[in-house]
Amino acid sequence: MRTPIFVRVEQFDLKNVSDRIEAIRNDFDRYLNSYPARAARTKHSLMGPVGKVLQEAKTGKWDAESLTGYALNIHLSNPKTKGFINQEAREALKDGVSKLMTLLREVPATAHDKILDRIDYGLYFVRRAKGLEWLE
């Protein structure tokens, strides 16, 4: 007779990582403060390279340094930046991507989409609110 195999499934709770999600969102927000898209109309233009970072992070093909370089290339390719990014923005981008990749390595793959959506739409809300304040 075969020995039965038991599997214990634990449900992942996003509340356990909400502080880390908030820290990542804050890092990306600090980075986007230097990105020239304050009065943008679309989510794509408002989020700048961070939207692409979140999209590429889903694939699992990148490490933190490569993904930061990818975002930096997108940033510097924008003609409005004039090929410049300040030190504080670079550090914020690097910190945000590093924290994001660490978090995604530590949580189950089934939670990745939920986490990335929370970061994405939470950051979008913050950036949209700042843009509306800037227009007033």
Protein backbone atom coordinates (compact mmCIF):
# COMPACT_ATOMS: atom_id res chain seq x y z
CA MET A 1 0.00 0.00 0.00
CA ARG A 2 1.23 3.47 -0.86
CA THR A 3 1.85 6.09 1.75
CA PRO A 4 -0.58 8.98 1.36
CA ILE A 5 0.87 12.38 0.53
CA PHE A 6 -0.53 15.30 2.42
CA VAL A 7 -0.27 18.84 1.19
CA ARG A 8 -0.82 21.73 3.50
CA VAL A 9 -1.95 24.83 1.67
CA GLU A 10 -1.69 28.16 3.40
CA GLN A 11 -3.50 31.14 2.03
CA PHE A 12 -1.33 34.18 1.49
CA ASP A 13 -2.53 37.36 3.17
CA LEU A 14 -1.62 40.66 1.51
CA LYS A 15 -1.87 42.43 4.85
CA ASN A 16 1.43 40.82 5.80
CA VAL A 17 3.26 42.73 3.07
CA SER A 18 1.22 45.94 2.95
CA ASP A 19 4.02 47.96 4.61
CA ARG A 20 6.51 46.74 2.02
CA ILE A 21 4.08 47.54 -0.80
CA GLU A 22 3.71 51.05 0.59
CA ALA A 23 7.50 51.47 0.79
CA ILE A 24 7.88 50.41 -2.85
CA ARG A 25 5.10 52.76 -3.88
CA ASN A 26 6.79 55.63 -2.01
CA ASP A 27 10.14 54.93 -3.68
CA PHE A 28 8.56 54.96 -7.13
CA ASP A 29 6.65 58.13 -6.26
CA ARG A 30 9.89 59.84 -5.22
CA TYR A 31 11.42 58.77 -8.52
CA LEU A 32 8.47 60.03 -10.55
CA ASN A 33 8.70 63.45 -8.89
CA SER A 34 11.61 64.11 -11.25
CA TYR A 35 9.90 62.63 -14.31
CA PRO A 36 8.38 65.26 -16.64
CA ALA A 37 4.77 64.06 -16.82
CA ARG A 38 2.88 66.08 -14.23
CA ALA A 39 -0.07 67.04 -16.40
CA ALA A 40 -0.26 63.78 -18.32
CA ARG A 41 -3.66 62.60 -19.47
CA THR A 42 -3.09 58.86 -19.75
CA LYS A 43 -2.01 56.32 -17.17
CA HIS A 44 0.83 55.22 -19.43
CA SER A 45 2.35 58.69 -19.64
CA LEU A 46 1.70 59.47 -15.98
CA MET A 47 3.47 56.35 -14.72
CA GLY A 48 6.50 56.77 -16.98
CA PRO A 49 9.05 53.95 -16.83
CA VAL A 50 7.52 52.56 -13.62
CA GLY A 51 4.62 51.10 -15.59
CA LYS A 52 7.08 49.18 -17.75
CA VAL A 53 9.03 48.07 -14.66
CA LEU A 54 5.88 46.61 -13.12
CA GLN A 55 4.94 44.94 -16.40
CA GLU A 56 8.39 43.39 -16.84
CA ALA A 57 8.60 42.35 -13.18
CA LYS A 58 5.66 40.01 -13.83
CA THR A 59 7.72 38.00 -16.30
CA GLY A 60 10.33 36.97 -13.74
CA LYS A 61 13.12 37.29 -16.32
CA TRP A 62 14.90 40.23 -14.73
CA ASP A 63 17.16 40.87 -11.77
CA ALA A 64 17.05 44.20 -9.94
CA GLU A 65 20.06 45.79 -11.65
CA SER A 66 18.94 44.86 -15.16
CA LEU A 67 15.42 46.08 -14.58
CA THR A 68 16.73 49.34 -13.13
CA GLY A 69 18.90 49.79 -16.20
CA TYR A 70 15.91 49.11 -18.43
CA ALA A 71 13.89 51.80 -16.64
CA LEU A 72 16.80 54.22 -16.74
CA ASN A 73 17.11 53.73 -20.49
CA ILE A 74 13.41 54.50 -20.95
CA HIS A 75 13.76 57.59 -18.75
CA LEU A 76 16.75 58.95 -20.64
CA SER A 77 15.09 58.23 -24.00
CA ASN A 78 12.28 60.66 -23.19
CA PRO A 79 13.15 63.94 -24.97
CA LYS A 80 11.64 65.97 -22.13
CA THR A 81 14.30 64.71 -19.71
CA LYS A 82 17.08 66.05 -21.93
CA GLY A 83 19.16 62.98 -21.10
CA PHE A 84 19.37 63.77 -17.38
CA ILE A 85 18.22 62.13 -14.16
CA ASN A 86 19.27 63.46 -10.77
CA GLN A 87 20.98 61.37 -8.10
CA GLU A 88 17.98 61.30 -5.75
CA ALA A 89 15.70 60.01 -8.51
CA ARG A 90 18.23 57.32 -9.48
CA GLU A 91 18.47 56.17 -5.88
CA ALA A 92 14.68 56.11 -5.49
CA LEU A 93 14.32 54.08 -8.69
CA LYS A 94 17.06 51.67 -7.65
CA ASP A 95 15.57 51.24 -4.16
CA GLY A 96 12.06 50.70 -5.50
CA VAL A 97 13.10 48.10 -8.06
CA SER A 98 15.33 46.31 -5.55
CA LYS A 99 12.56 46.15 -2.94
CA LEU A 100 10.07 45.02 -5.58
CA MET A 101 12.24 42.17 -6.83
CA THR A 102 13.03 41.06 -3.27
CA LEU A 103 9.34 41.05 -2.38
CA LEU A 104 8.40 39.07 -5.48
CA ARG A 105 11.05 36.45 -4.67
CA GLU A 106 9.70 36.02 -1.14
CA VAL A 107 5.97 35.70 -1.83
CA PRO A 108 4.14 32.90 -3.64
CA ALA A 109 3.80 33.29 -7.40
CA THR A 110 0.03 33.30 -7.04
CA ALA A 111 0.24 36.62 -5.17
CA HIS A 112 2.42 38.45 -7.71
CA ASP A 113 -0.45 39.85 -9.77
CA LYS A 114 -2.26 41.13 -6.69
CA ILE A 115 0.87 42.79 -5.33
CA LEU A 116 1.79 44.39 -8.65
CA ASP A 117 -1.76 45.67 -9.12
CA ARG A 118 -1.73 47.22 -5.65
CA ILE A 119 1.52 48.98 -6.39
CA ASP A 120 0.39 50.01 -9.88
CA TYR A 121 -3.02 51.43 -9.08
CA GLY A 122 -1.99 52.84 -5.71
CA LEU A 123 0.85 54.72 -7.34
CA TYR A 124 -1.42 55.82 -10.17
CA PHE A 125 -3.85 57.31 -7.66
CA VAL A 126 -1.08 59.20 -5.87
CA ARG A 127 0.38 60.52 -9.13
CA ARG A 128 -3.03 61.50 -10.52
CA ALA A 129 -3.86 63.36 -7.29
CA LYS A 130 -0.54 65.22 -7.46
CA GLY A 131 -1.18 66.10 -11.09
CA LEU A 132 -4.60 67.49 -10.28
CA GLU A 133 -3.15 69.56 -7.43
CA TRP A 134 -0.49 70.89 -9.78
CA LEU A 135 -3.15 71.95 -12.28
CA GLU A 136 -5.21 73.84 -9.69
